[in-house]
Amino acid sequence: MEHFFQCPYCWEEISMLLDTSVYHQTYIEDCEVCCNPIEVSPSFENNELVSFTAQSIEQ
């Protein structure tokens, strides 16, 4: 599923494809605009997105 959200670095709206087959995930993906790493944590229930966080990674 495609999910739109705001990048925690550049504040641009971006989208990511999320895998609904895994109940809870945490992974790193780069922003498609500014290329900074974002820690993404989606959770699903019955293939529906029930929570989503996207935060910057302190370097």
N, C-alpha and C. Protein backbone atom coordinates (compact mmCIF):
# COMPACT_ATOMS: atom_id res chain seq x y z
N MET A 1 0.84 -1.17 0.00
CA MET A 1 0.00 0.00 0.00
C MET A 1 0.88 1.24 0.00
N GLU A 2 0.46 2.27 -0.69
CA GLU A 2 1.20 3.52 -0.72
C GLU A 2 0.73 4.40 0.43
N HIS A 3 1.70 5.01 1.15
CA HIS A 3 1.38 5.88 2.27
C HIS A 3 2.12 7.20 2.12
N PHE A 4 1.42 8.32 2.27
CA PHE A 4 2.01 9.65 2.16
C PHE A 4 2.22 10.22 3.55
N PHE A 5 3.37 10.89 3.73
CA PHE A 5 3.67 11.52 5.01
C PHE A 5 4.73 12.60 4.80
N GLN A 6 5.00 13.37 5.84
CA GLN A 6 5.94 14.47 5.75
C GLN A 6 7.32 14.02 6.23
N CYS A 7 8.34 14.32 5.46
CA CYS A 7 9.72 13.98 5.82
C CYS A 7 10.12 14.77 7.07
N PRO A 8 10.72 14.11 8.07
CA PRO A 8 11.12 14.82 9.28
C PRO A 8 12.36 15.71 9.10
N TYR A 9 12.96 15.68 7.93
CA TYR A 9 14.12 16.53 7.65
C TYR A 9 13.75 17.74 6.79
N CYS A 10 13.20 17.49 5.63
CA CYS A 10 12.94 18.57 4.66
C CYS A 10 11.49 19.03 4.65
N TRP A 11 10.62 18.33 5.36
CA TRP A 11 9.19 18.64 5.53
C TRP A 11 8.38 18.52 4.24
N GLU A 12 8.97 17.95 3.20
CA GLU A 12 8.22 17.70 1.97
C GLU A 12 7.33 16.48 2.15
N GLU A 13 6.20 16.47 1.45
CA GLU A 13 5.35 15.28 1.47
C GLU A 13 5.97 14.24 0.55
N ILE A 14 6.16 13.04 1.08
CA ILE A 14 6.72 11.94 0.30
C ILE A 14 5.81 10.73 0.45
N SER A 15 6.06 9.72 -0.35
CA SER A 15 5.28 8.49 -0.23
C SER A 15 6.23 7.30 -0.19
N MET A 16 5.77 6.26 0.47
CA MET A 16 6.49 4.99 0.52
C MET A 16 5.50 3.86 0.33
N LEU A 17 5.99 2.79 -0.26
CA LEU A 17 5.18 1.58 -0.38
C LEU A 17 5.39 0.74 0.87
N LEU A 18 4.31 0.37 1.53
CA LEU A 18 4.36 -0.40 2.77
C LEU A 18 3.86 -1.81 2.52
N ASP A 19 4.51 -2.77 3.15
CA ASP A 19 4.15 -4.18 3.03
C ASP A 19 3.14 -4.53 4.12
N THR A 20 1.90 -4.76 3.75
CA THR A 20 0.84 -5.05 4.72
C THR A 20 0.86 -6.48 5.23
N SER A 21 1.74 -7.32 4.69
CA SER A 21 1.77 -8.72 5.10
C SER A 21 2.51 -8.95 6.42
N VAL A 22 3.25 -7.93 6.89
CA VAL A 22 3.98 -8.03 8.15
C VAL A 22 3.29 -7.11 9.16
N TYR A 23 2.84 -7.69 10.29
CA TYR A 23 2.03 -6.95 11.27
C TYR A 23 2.71 -5.68 11.77
N HIS A 24 3.97 -5.79 12.23
CA HIS A 24 4.70 -4.62 12.72
C HIS A 24 6.12 -4.65 12.16
N GLN A 25 6.56 -3.49 11.67
CA GLN A 25 7.87 -3.39 11.04
C GLN A 25 8.58 -2.14 11.54
N THR A 26 9.89 -2.17 11.54
CA THR A 26 10.71 -0.98 11.75
C THR A 26 11.92 -1.11 10.83
N TYR A 27 12.11 -0.11 10.01
CA TYR A 27 13.23 -0.15 9.07
C TYR A 27 13.64 1.25 8.68
N ILE A 28 14.75 1.37 7.98
CA ILE A 28 15.30 2.65 7.54
C ILE A 28 15.11 2.77 6.03
N GLU A 29 14.60 3.92 5.62
CA GLU A 29 14.48 4.20 4.19
C GLU A 29 14.82 5.67 3.96
N ASP A 30 15.47 5.96 2.85
CA ASP A 30 15.87 7.34 2.57
C ASP A 30 14.72 8.15 1.99
N CYS A 31 14.69 9.43 2.34
CA CYS A 31 13.71 10.35 1.76
C CYS A 31 13.97 10.47 0.26
N GLU A 32 12.92 10.45 -0.53
CA GLU A 32 13.08 10.55 -1.97
C GLU A 32 13.41 11.97 -2.43
N VAL A 33 13.28 12.95 -1.53
CA VAL A 33 13.58 14.34 -1.88
C VAL A 33 14.98 14.75 -1.40
N CYS A 34 15.25 14.59 -0.09
CA CYS A 34 16.51 15.07 0.47
C CYS A 34 17.53 13.96 0.74
N CYS A 35 17.13 12.71 0.58
CA CYS A 35 18.00 11.53 0.73
C CYS A 35 18.47 11.24 2.15
N ASN A 36 17.90 11.89 3.15
CA ASN A 36 18.26 11.59 4.54
C ASN A 36 17.55 10.32 5.00
N PRO A 37 18.17 9.57 5.94
CA PRO A 37 17.56 8.32 6.41
C PRO A 37 16.42 8.56 7.39
N ILE A 38 15.32 7.85 7.17
CA ILE A 38 14.13 7.97 8.02
C ILE A 38 13.84 6.61 8.62
N GLU A 39 13.63 6.58 9.94
CA GLU A 39 13.21 5.34 10.59
C GLU A 39 11.68 5.26 10.49
N VAL A 40 11.21 4.25 9.80
CA VAL A 40 9.79 4.08 9.51
C VAL A 40 9.26 2.90 10.32
N SER A 41 8.13 3.10 11.01
CA SER A 41 7.52 2.02 11.82
C SER A 41 6.02 1.96 11.58
N PRO A 42 5.59 1.16 10.60
CA PRO A 42 4.16 0.97 10.39
C PRO A 42 3.66 -0.28 11.12
N SER A 43 2.39 -0.24 11.53
CA SER A 43 1.72 -1.42 12.11
C SER A 43 0.40 -1.62 11.39
N PHE A 44 0.06 -2.88 11.18
CA PHE A 44 -1.15 -3.23 10.43
C PHE A 44 -2.02 -4.17 11.23
N GLU A 45 -3.31 -4.10 10.98
CA GLU A 45 -4.28 -5.04 11.53
C GLU A 45 -5.29 -5.33 10.42
N ASN A 46 -5.44 -6.58 10.08
CA ASN A 46 -6.34 -6.98 8.97
C ASN A 46 -6.01 -6.22 7.69
N ASN A 47 -4.71 -6.10 7.39
CA ASN A 47 -4.22 -5.41 6.20
C ASN A 47 -4.55 -3.92 6.16
N GLU A 48 -4.92 -3.35 7.30
CA GLU A 48 -5.18 -1.91 7.39
C GLU A 48 -4.11 -1.26 8.25
N LEU A 49 -3.63 -0.11 7.85
CA LEU A 49 -2.64 0.62 8.61
C LEU A 49 -3.28 1.18 9.88
N VAL A 50 -2.77 0.80 11.05
CA VAL A 50 -3.35 1.27 12.32
C VAL A 50 -2.43 2.26 13.04
N SER A 51 -1.12 2.22 12.73
CA SER A 51 -0.23 3.25 13.27
C SER A 51 0.97 3.40 12.33
N PHE A 52 1.54 4.60 12.36
CA PHE A 52 2.67 4.91 11.49
C PHE A 52 3.50 6.00 12.12
N THR A 53 4.80 5.76 12.25
CA THR A 53 5.72 6.82 12.69
C THR A 53 6.87 6.88 11.71
N ALA A 54 7.35 8.09 11.50
CA ALA A 54 8.51 8.34 10.65
C ALA A 54 9.35 9.38 11.37
N GLN A 55 10.54 8.99 11.76
CA GLN A 55 11.36 9.94 12.51
C GLN A 55 12.78 10.00 11.99
N SER A 56 13.41 11.13 12.26
CA SER A 56 14.80 11.31 11.84
C SER A 56 15.71 10.42 12.68
N ILE A 57 16.86 10.14 12.14
CA ILE A 57 17.86 9.33 12.82
C ILE A 57 18.97 10.27 13.25
N GLU A 58 19.25 10.29 14.55
CA GLU A 58 20.30 11.17 15.05
C GLU A 58 21.65 10.64 14.63
N GLN A 59 22.48 11.52 14.14
CA GLN A 59 23.79 11.11 13.64
C GLN A 59 24.88 11.67 14.52
